[in-house]
Protein backbone atom coordinates (compact mmCIF):
# COMPACT_ATOMS: atom_id res chain seq x y z
CA MET A 1 5.29 -9.06 16.06
CA GLU A 2 4.11 -12.27 17.39
CA GLU A 3 5.79 -11.51 20.78
CA LEU A 4 4.59 -8.69 21.33
CA GLY A 5 0.88 -9.51 21.44
CA MET A 6 0.22 -7.70 18.38
CA LYS A 7 -1.78 -9.39 15.57
CA LYS A 8 -1.02 -9.72 11.74
CA GLN A 9 -1.24 -6.84 9.05
CA ASN A 10 -3.67 -8.44 6.82
CA TRP A 11 -7.42 -9.25 7.35
CA ASP A 12 -7.78 -12.21 8.41
CA VAL A 13 -11.29 -14.63 9.14
CA LYS A 14 -10.86 -14.13 11.96
CA GLU A 15 -10.72 -11.20 12.42
CA THR A 16 -13.21 -10.10 10.37
CA GLU A 17 -16.04 -12.21 12.22
CA LEU A 18 -14.85 -10.39 15.43
CA PHE A 19 -15.48 -7.26 13.55
CA LEU A 20 -19.04 -8.28 12.01
CA GLU A 21 -20.02 -9.16 15.76
CA ILE A 22 -19.00 -5.82 17.42
CA LEU A 23 -20.61 -4.48 14.67
CA LYS A 24 -23.99 -6.38 15.25
CA GLU A 25 -24.46 -6.85 18.87
CA LEU A 26 -23.51 -2.29 18.35
CA ASP A 27 -27.06 -2.36 16.72
CA MET A 28 -25.61 -1.55 13.18
CA GLU A 29 -28.82 -3.43 11.86
CA LYS A 30 -31.07 -1.45 14.28
CA CYS A 31 -29.69 2.25 13.98
CA LEU A 32 -28.47 1.96 10.30
CA ASP A 33 -30.01 -1.26 8.94
CA GLY A 34 -26.71 -2.11 7.38
CA ARG A 35 -27.33 0.34 4.17
CA LYS A 36 -25.76 3.19 5.65
CA VAL A 37 -22.00 4.08 6.62
CA ARG A 38 -22.21 7.17 8.34
CA ASN A 39 -21.90 7.02 12.22
CA THR A 40 -18.48 7.53 12.93
CA LYS A 41 -19.45 7.17 16.26
CA ILE A 42 -20.16 3.06 15.88
CA PHE A 43 -16.52 2.73 13.98
CA LYS A 44 -14.85 4.59 16.95
CA VAL A 45 -16.49 2.63 19.81
CA ALA A 46 -15.47 -0.64 17.03
CA HIS A 47 -12.02 0.45 16.66
CA ARG A 48 -11.60 0.48 20.45
CA ARG A 49 -13.23 -3.32 20.54
CA MET A 50 -11.27 -4.17 18.40
CA THR A 51 -7.94 -2.92 19.77
CA ALA A 52 -8.39 -3.78 22.95
CA ALA A 53 -8.63 -7.47 20.92
CA GLY A 54 -5.47 -6.82 19.36
CA TYR A 55 -6.61 -5.55 15.88
CA HIS A 56 -4.76 -2.41 15.36
CA ARG A 57 -6.94 -0.45 12.59
CA SER A 58 -7.43 2.89 12.40
CA VAL A 59 -11.48 4.21 12.48
CA ASP A 60 -10.76 4.98 8.28
CA GLN A 61 -9.83 1.28 7.47
CA LEU A 62 -12.55 -0.30 9.89
CA LYS A 63 -15.33 1.80 7.40
CA PHE A 64 -13.76 1.02 4.10
CA ARG A 65 -13.50 -2.84 5.43
CA TRP A 66 -17.32 -2.42 5.70
CA LYS A 67 -17.74 -1.22 2.82
CA LEU A 68 -16.02 -3.75 0.96
CA LEU A 69 -18.31 -6.19 2.57
CA LYS A 70 -20.92 -4.47 1.89
CA SER A 71 -20.53 -3.26 -1.45
CA ALA A 72 -20.08 -7.83 -2.23
CA TYR A 73 -23.44 -8.18 -0.12
CA TYR A 74 -25.04 -5.72 -2.68
CA LYS A 75 -23.21 -8.12 -5.71
CA GLY A 76 -24.11 -11.17 -4.07
CA LYS A 77 -27.64 -10.16 -4.04
CA ARG A 78 -28.47 -8.90 -7.30
CA GLU A 79 -26.43 -12.03 -9.01
CA PRO A 80 -28.26 -14.90 -6.89
CA SER A 81 -28.67 -17.30 -10.17
CA SER A 82 -24.91 -17.58 -8.82
CA HIS A 83 -23.14 -17.64 -5.81
CA ALA A 84 -19.25 -17.58 -7.73
CA PRO A 85 -19.22 -14.03 -7.60
CA ALA A 86 -19.61 -14.16 -3.97
CA LYS A 87 -16.91 -16.14 -3.67
CA ILE A 88 -14.68 -14.73 -5.21
CA GLN A 89 -14.96 -11.08 -2.82
CA GLY A 90 -14.96 -13.15 0.08
CA TRP A 91 -18.19 -12.33 1.60
CA TRP A 92 -19.16 -15.58 1.75
CA ARG A 93 -17.09 -16.41 4.56
CA TYR A 94 -19.56 -14.21 6.79
CA GLU A 95 -22.58 -14.49 5.11
CA LYS A 96 -24.63 -15.77 8.26
CA THR A 97 -23.43 -12.67 9.83
CA MET A 98 -24.23 -10.10 6.62
CA VAL A 99 -27.66 -10.97 6.83
CA ALA A 100 -28.02 -10.41 10.14
CA ILE A 101 -26.90 -7.42 9.68
CA MET A 102 -28.65 -6.60 6.43
CA GLU A 103 -31.72 -7.94 6.18
CA SER A 104 -32.99 -8.16 10.52
CA ARG A 105 -35.54 -5.02 9.74
CA HIS A 106 -36.00 -4.57 5.43
CA PRO A 107 -35.37 -8.67 4.56
CA LEU A 108 -34.26 -8.71 0.90
CA VAL A 109 -34.39 -12.39 0.37
CA GLY A 110 -37.79 -13.58 -0.95
CA ALA A 111 -38.58 -9.50 -1.51
CA GLY A 112 -37.60 -9.12 -5.04
CA VAL A 113 -34.46 -7.62 -3.96
CA HIS A 114 -35.33 -4.48 -4.26
CA THR A 115 -31.42 -3.01 -3.59
CA ASP A 116 -30.33 -0.03 -6.64
CA ARG A 117 -28.02 2.07 -6.44
CA ASN A 118 -30.56 5.29 -4.16
CA ASP A 119 -31.17 2.51 -2.04
CA GLU A 120 -27.17 1.98 -1.31
CA GLY A 121 -25.62 5.54 -1.85
CA THR A 122 -25.40 8.21 0.53
CA GLU A 123 -22.80 11.49 0.95
CA ASP A 124 -20.54 9.33 2.79
CA SER A 125 -20.62 6.13 1.44
CA GLU A 126 -19.87 7.03 -2.41
CA GLY A 127 -18.47 4.26 -4.81
CA ASP A 128 -20.79 1.63 -2.86
CA GLY A 129 -21.81 -1.19 -4.68
CA ASP A 130 -20.13 1.18 -7.77
CA VAL A 131 -19.16 -1.61 -10.53
CA SER A 132 -16.67 -0.68 -13.30
CA VAL A 133 -15.64 -1.59 -16.84
CA LEU A 134 -12.01 -2.41 -17.03
CA PRO A 135 -10.24 -0.31 -18.45
CA TRP A 136 -8.66 -2.02 -21.76
CA GLN A 137 -12.87 -2.89 -22.49
CA GLN A 138 -13.14 0.61 -22.66
CA THR A 139 -10.52 3.22 -24.99
CA CYS A 140 -7.73 -0.22 -26.04
CA PRO A 141 -6.92 0.18 -29.26
CA ASP A 142 -8.92 -1.60 -31.39
CA SER A 143 -5.01 -3.29 -32.21
CA THR A 144 -4.57 -5.58 -28.93
CA PRO A 145 -1.20 -5.88 -28.49
CA GLN A 146 0.80 -8.80 -29.80
CA ASN A 147 1.57 -10.45 -26.52
CA LEU A 148 -1.48 -9.33 -24.36
CA ASN A 149 -3.33 -12.53 -23.09
CA LEU A 150 -6.61 -12.20 -24.44
CA ASP A 151 -7.84 -14.98 -21.19
CA LEU A 152 -7.67 -11.26 -19.41
CA ILE A 153 -10.17 -9.81 -21.53
CA VAL A 154 -12.43 -12.10 -22.57
CA GLY A 155 -15.38 -12.83 -20.02
CA VAL A 156 -13.54 -11.21 -16.69
CA THR A 157 -16.15 -10.17 -14.26
CA PRO A 158 -16.25 -6.67 -13.48
CA TRP A 159 -14.89 -5.69 -10.61
CA ILE A 160 -14.75 -3.25 -7.48
CA LYS A 161 -12.51 -1.10 -6.53
CA MET A 162 -11.71 -2.51 -3.39
CA ASP A 163 -8.94 -4.00 -1.09
CA PRO A 164 -6.77 -7.06 -2.80
CA GLU A 165 -7.54 -9.88 0.14
CA MET A 166 -10.82 -9.27 -0.92
CA ASP A 167 -10.69 -9.59 -5.02
CA THR A 168 -8.06 -11.06 -6.08
CA GLN A 169 -9.09 -9.89 -10.14
CA LEU A 170 -7.66 -6.68 -9.38
CA LYS A 171 -4.90 -6.43 -11.88
CA VAL A 172 -1.24 -4.22 -11.24
CA GLY A 173 1.10 -3.10 -13.66
CA PHE A 174 4.51 -1.65 -13.19
CA ILE A 175 6.45 0.49 -15.56
CA GLY A 176 9.70 -0.47 -15.02
CA ALA A 177 11.89 -3.03 -13.62
CA GLY A 178 14.49 -1.54 -11.04
CA ASN A 179 13.92 -2.76 -7.63
CA MET A 180 11.86 -0.60 -6.14
CA ALA A 181 9.64 -2.02 -8.93
CA PHE A 182 10.71 -5.51 -7.65
CA GLY A 183 10.06 -4.56 -4.03
CA ILE A 184 6.59 -3.85 -4.77
CA ALA A 185 5.76 -7.16 -6.18
CA ARG A 186 7.11 -8.98 -4.36
CA GLY A 187 5.43 -7.11 -1.49
CA ILE A 188 1.89 -7.51 -3.16
CA LEU A 189 2.33 -11.44 -4.28
CA SER A 190 2.53 -12.48 -0.27
CA GLY A 191 -1.02 -11.14 -0.24
CA ASN A 192 -3.96 -12.59 -2.41
CA VAL A 193 -2.32 -10.72 -5.98
CA LEU A 194 -2.06 -13.03 -7.94
CA PRO A 195 1.29 -13.17 -10.16
CA ALA A 196 -0.67 -13.96 -13.03
CA ASN A 197 -2.24 -10.80 -12.99
CA VAL A 198 0.87 -8.15 -12.24
CA ARG A 199 2.46 -6.98 -15.48
CA VAL A 200 5.77 -5.26 -15.78
CA SER A 201 7.68 -3.64 -19.08
CA ALA A 202 10.73 -1.92 -19.04
CA PRO A 203 13.07 -1.72 -22.27
CA SER A 204 15.12 -4.26 -21.93
CA SER A 205 15.18 -7.83 -20.85
CA ARG A 206 18.15 -7.38 -17.83
CA ASN A 207 16.18 -7.03 -14.87
CA LEU A 208 12.97 -8.79 -16.22
CA GLY A 209 14.13 -12.57 -15.86
CA ARG A 210 13.35 -12.04 -11.74
CA PHE A 211 10.25 -10.84 -12.17
CA GLN A 212 9.24 -13.88 -14.61
CA GLU A 213 11.01 -16.11 -11.60
CA LEU A 214 7.69 -15.04 -9.62
CA GLY A 215 5.33 -16.45 -12.27
CA ILE A 216 4.60 -12.39 -13.50
CA PRO A 217 4.35 -12.17 -17.23
CA VAL A 218 6.93 -9.28 -18.60
CA THR A 219 6.74 -6.89 -21.93
CA HIS A 220 8.66 -4.53 -23.71
CA SER A 221 5.19 -2.87 -24.48
CA ASN A 222 4.01 0.28 -21.70
CA VAL A 223 0.66 0.40 -23.76
CA GLU A 224 -0.02 -3.11 -22.85
CA VAL A 225 1.03 -2.83 -18.99
CA VAL A 226 -1.86 -0.14 -19.02
CA CYS A 227 -4.28 -1.86 -21.21
CA GLY A 228 -3.95 -4.87 -18.45
CA SER A 229 -3.49 -2.71 -15.63
CA ASP A 230 -6.28 -1.18 -12.49
CA VAL A 231 -3.16 0.11 -11.14
CA VAL A 232 -0.58 0.92 -12.85
CA PHE A 233 3.17 2.08 -10.62
CA VAL A 234 5.61 4.12 -12.41
CA ALA A 235 9.26 3.25 -11.91
CA VAL A 236 11.10 4.85 -14.30
CA LYS A 237 13.81 7.68 -13.41
CA PRO A 238 12.36 10.98 -12.94
CA HIS A 239 13.83 12.67 -16.25
CA LEU A 240 11.70 9.74 -17.83
CA VAL A 241 8.45 10.27 -16.43
CA PRO A 242 7.51 12.79 -19.10
CA LEU A 243 7.92 10.57 -21.55
CA VAL A 244 6.30 7.81 -20.46
CA LEU A 245 3.00 9.27 -19.18
CA SER A 246 3.19 11.08 -22.68
CA GLU A 247 3.69 7.42 -24.89
CA VAL A 248 0.09 5.60 -22.49
CA SER A 249 -1.43 8.83 -21.67
CA GLN A 250 -4.57 8.24 -24.54
CA TYR A 251 -5.05 4.88 -22.97
CA ILE A 252 -5.68 5.82 -19.31
CA THR A 253 -9.67 6.04 -18.01
CA ASP A 254 -10.31 7.46 -14.81
CA ARG A 255 -10.85 3.70 -13.22
CA HIS A 256 -7.06 3.81 -13.60
CA VAL A 257 -4.90 4.77 -10.26
CA ILE A 258 -1.57 5.97 -11.45
CA VAL A 259 1.07 5.45 -8.75
CA SER A 260 4.61 7.18 -9.34
CA VAL A 261 7.54 6.50 -7.34
CA ALA A 262 10.01 8.65 -8.99
CA ALA A 263 11.75 10.88 -6.98
CA GLY A 264 11.20 14.51 -7.42
CA VAL A 265 8.16 14.01 -10.03
CA THR A 266 5.08 16.43 -7.94
CA LEU A 267 1.61 15.94 -8.36
CA ALA A 268 0.85 18.70 -10.04
CA THR A 269 3.47 17.46 -12.86
CA LEU A 270 1.52 14.20 -13.22
CA GLU A 271 -1.61 16.14 -13.14
CA GLU A 272 -0.48 17.95 -15.69
CA ILE A 273 1.15 15.45 -18.02
CA LEU A 274 -1.78 12.75 -18.04
CA PRO A 275 -5.90 12.95 -19.05
CA GLU A 276 -7.91 15.25 -16.90
CA ASN A 277 -9.46 13.66 -13.72
CA THR A 278 -7.12 10.52 -14.07
CA VAL A 279 -6.34 9.65 -10.33
CA THR A 280 -2.67 10.31 -9.27
CA ILE A 281 -0.52 9.27 -6.53
CA ARG A 282 3.16 10.61 -5.55
CA MET A 283 4.35 7.35 -3.53
CA MET A 284 8.52 7.13 -1.93
CA PRO A 285 9.44 3.64 -1.05
CA ASN A 286 12.58 2.70 0.43
CA LEU A 287 15.11 0.40 0.01
CA PRO A 288 14.19 -2.63 2.27
CA CYS A 289 10.43 -3.28 0.50
CA LEU A 290 12.94 -5.32 -1.33
CA VAL A 291 12.68 -8.08 2.23
CA GLN A 292 8.70 -6.16 2.77
CA GLU A 293 10.68 -4.26 5.55
CA GLY A 294 10.15 -0.66 3.60
CA ALA A 295 8.88 2.52 4.43
CA ILE A 296 6.63 4.23 2.47
CA LEU A 297 4.93 7.56 2.40
CA PHE A 298 2.86 8.56 -0.11
CA ALA A 299 0.37 11.20 -0.96
CA ARG A 300 -3.17 11.76 -2.88
CA GLY A 301 -3.10 13.63 -6.05
CA SER A 302 -6.72 16.33 -6.24
CA ARG A 303 -8.98 13.86 -7.86
CA ALA A 304 -8.26 10.84 -5.53
CA LYS A 305 -10.04 9.87 -3.14
CA ASN A 306 -9.75 7.94 0.53
CA GLU A 307 -10.92 5.22 -1.01
CA ASP A 308 -7.79 4.75 -2.94
CA GLY A 309 -6.29 5.96 -0.52
CA ALA A 310 -7.52 2.54 1.19
CA LEU A 311 -6.58 0.60 -1.95
CA ILE A 312 -3.07 1.27 -2.16
CA ARG A 313 -2.06 0.85 1.64
CA SER A 314 -4.08 -2.00 1.54
CA LEU A 315 -2.24 -3.31 -1.78
CA LEU A 316 0.94 -2.51 0.01
CA HIS A 317 0.70 -3.10 3.38
CA ARG A 318 2.59 -6.46 3.08
CA CYS A 319 5.58 -3.55 1.53
CA GLY A 320 6.26 -3.17 5.24
CA LEU A 321 5.07 0.42 6.73
CA VAL A 322 2.84 2.66 4.56
CA GLU A 323 1.64 6.14 5.53
CA GLU A 324 0.01 8.47 4.27
CA GLY A 325 0.69 12.71 4.19
CA PRO A 326 0.85 15.72 2.86
CA GLU A 327 3.29 16.17 -0.27
CA ALA A 328 5.13 18.33 0.94
CA TRP A 329 6.40 15.87 3.49
CA ILE A 330 7.87 13.22 0.57
CA ASP A 331 10.62 15.07 0.26
CA ILE A 332 10.93 14.89 3.95
CA HIS A 333 10.63 11.38 3.34
CA THR A 334 13.89 10.65 1.05
CA GLY A 335 16.19 11.98 3.51
CA LEU A 336 14.42 10.40 6.11
CA SER A 337 13.94 6.62 5.36
CA GLY A 338 15.34 6.92 1.50
CA SER A 339 18.71 8.06 1.86
CA GLY A 340 18.45 6.67 5.78
CA VAL A 341 18.65 3.57 4.63
CA ALA A 342 22.75 4.05 3.25
CA PHE A 343 23.33 6.34 6.60
CA VAL A 344 22.44 2.95 8.55
CA TYR A 345 24.56 0.71 5.99
CA LEU A 346 27.54 3.96 6.89
CA PHE A 347 26.46 2.62 10.91
CA ALA A 348 26.67 -0.12 10.64
CA GLU A 349 30.13 -0.45 8.30
CA ALA A 350 31.58 1.60 11.48
CA LEU A 351 30.53 -0.38 13.90
CA ALA A 352 31.65 -3.32 12.56
CA GLU A 353 35.69 -1.46 11.90
CA GLY A 354 35.40 -1.05 15.42
CA ALA A 355 35.30 -4.13 16.71
CA VAL A 356 37.67 -4.96 13.62
CA LYS A 357 40.06 -2.25 15.28
CA MET A 358 39.85 -4.22 18.32
CA GLY A 359 40.82 -7.86 17.57
CA MET A 360 37.43 -9.55 15.55
CA PRO A 361 37.34 -11.16 12.57
CA SER A 362 35.99 -8.59 9.88
CA ALA A 363 33.47 -11.69 8.91
CA LEU A 364 31.55 -12.10 12.80
CA ALA A 365 32.14 -8.36 13.34
CA HIS A 366 29.83 -7.14 9.97
CA SER A 367 27.63 -10.12 10.80
CA ILE A 368 27.00 -9.26 14.56
CA ALA A 369 27.05 -5.60 13.55
CA SER A 370 24.05 -6.29 10.87
CA GLN A 371 22.10 -8.30 13.63
CA THR A 372 22.78 -5.60 16.48
CA VAL A 373 21.46 -2.77 13.99
CA LEU A 374 18.67 -5.43 12.70
CA GLY A 375 17.46 -6.28 16.75
CA ALA A 376 17.78 -2.49 18.13
CA GLY A 377 15.05 -1.67 15.09
CA ARG A 378 12.42 -4.09 15.89
CA ILE A 379 12.68 -3.40 18.89
CA LEU A 380 12.08 0.32 18.32
CA ARG A 381 9.46 -0.04 16.38
CA GLU A 382 8.00 -2.91 18.38
CA SER A 383 7.64 -1.76 21.59
CA GLY A 384 6.59 1.98 20.62
CA LYS A 385 9.01 3.74 22.98
CA HIS A 386 10.56 7.29 22.86
CA PRO A 387 14.79 6.52 21.33
CA ALA A 388 16.08 8.25 24.09
CA GLN A 389 13.99 5.88 26.60
CA LEU A 390 15.35 2.66 24.52
CA ARG A 391 19.01 4.18 25.16
CA SER A 392 18.40 5.08 29.15
CA GLU A 393 17.52 1.54 29.15
CA VAL A 394 20.39 0.27 27.68
CA CYS A 395 22.80 2.72 30.13
CA THR A 396 24.48 1.59 33.44
CA PRO A 397 25.49 3.91 36.02
CA GLY A 398 29.74 3.73 34.53
CA GLY A 399 28.99 1.48 32.33
CA THR A 400 30.47 0.11 29.04
CA THR A 401 27.52 1.65 27.14
CA ILE A 402 27.82 5.75 28.57
CA TYR A 403 31.36 6.08 28.08
CA GLY A 404 30.86 4.81 24.65
CA LEU A 405 27.58 7.41 23.75
CA HIS A 406 29.95 9.97 24.94
CA THR A 407 32.29 9.37 22.79
CA LEU A 408 29.97 9.29 19.82
CA GLU A 409 28.45 12.47 20.92
CA LYS A 410 32.35 14.43 21.52
CA GLY A 411 32.47 13.12 17.81
CA GLY A 412 28.56 15.01 17.04
CA LEU A 413 27.03 12.02 15.38
CA ARG A 414 23.30 13.58 16.44
CA ALA A 415 23.82 16.78 14.48
CA THR A 416 25.66 14.88 11.84
CA THR A 417 22.72 13.06 11.63
CA MET A 418 20.33 15.62 11.11
CA SER A 419 22.40 17.67 8.67
CA ALA A 420 22.56 14.51 6.46
CA VAL A 421 18.65 13.95 6.18
CA GLU A 422 18.85 18.22 5.79
CA SER A 423 20.67 17.65 2.98
CA ALA A 424 19.16 14.94 1.53
CA THR A 425 15.74 16.53 1.93
CA GLU A 426 16.89 19.40 0.68
CA ARG A 427 18.54 17.73 -2.18
CA ALA A 428 15.30 15.97 -2.95
CA ARG A 429 13.35 19.24 -2.93
CA GLU A 430 15.74 21.03 -5.64
CA PHE A 431 15.08 18.05 -7.77
CA GLY A 432 11.27 18.40 -7.46
CA ARG A 433 11.64 22.71 -8.79
CA LYS A 434 14.17 20.99 -11.50
CA SER A 435 10.10 19.13 -12.71
CA ALA A 436 8.44 21.79 -11.88
CA CYS A 437 10.15 24.08 -13.98
CA LYS A 438 9.86 21.19 -17.11
CA LYS A 439 6.39 21.19 -17.22
């Protein structure tokens, strides 16, 4: 990414400062008084300028970032006696620019800080400044689970659902300790989520050791994970999902975000099992999440809002590519990327075996094959070119590559690969139909 002039994916101080300076230059304080995020045109202009500077964000991501900063600003003004909460939420780094935007026409400092929900809220900025009670403070049983760390409960400042880079107090839980859970956990820990704020449960200790090596608390209690988390990843085998959700259902509040990574379990199934108004997200990662090079597609349930999707994007962006789409695409993604990883492994194995046939030692052949797949993948991702264009750039008239490609085409590689994705997708859809029948 760096060699192509792309900036890193997390919001750092420099990028945020540039973003705020652009908003200030666009006279946001005159047009909107910094209070209502509803002028999409301003953010489209900001998007163009950010892109020109090398920062590749969507308009929605820019709007969401502004909402987070604005919410933190209001919270800081509500608590003028203590600057610590504002520091925790991160806006203090940009205080000078935020004050310039927010207070240039209607100063808040020295005027009694007349900001309340009516002052902040608009139809397009729902949830700004909305301080929520943590889930375990609402509905967890009086008998706190034995292993639950009370330090996580007592005296915790209520939080705003936001980018974990803005709020390191976000609590994340995993029910299930398999490879997917481990890969996602490693990804979010490379951001600003603290190991102490992650919790993992599994019925046995077989897979828990690697989480403990990351500093993550572990338990055998699913209820403990739910009561101590704001975002809960359900990462168990598909046939176990109804059992697990039924167990924890009474402890889930409308402040939880429940994310299922179980193949074939539909959003309709999740919403039928869970309490009314539960925010649900169905997500399909793939194995390369283990090395933060995953491809993740998620779909929001009927009660999940745009900000819930933005939270998931922000939380998982260190795991690799994160995209949102309709639920119908999830099964296709499973065939393309979930199963596709194995298809690539098979091709890499065949490449290496071809070299072995021609006389190269096996270990060296497999090492070169893996590096070839890695290098080709990086160029494909970072160049933005169509695969066919890159393929043609490698070929020279009468050269070695075109002869090899001719052999692959005669063997039906293209049609066979397309059929493999189709077969894997249909199998994923079959799992979904079985899940719906068991409701």
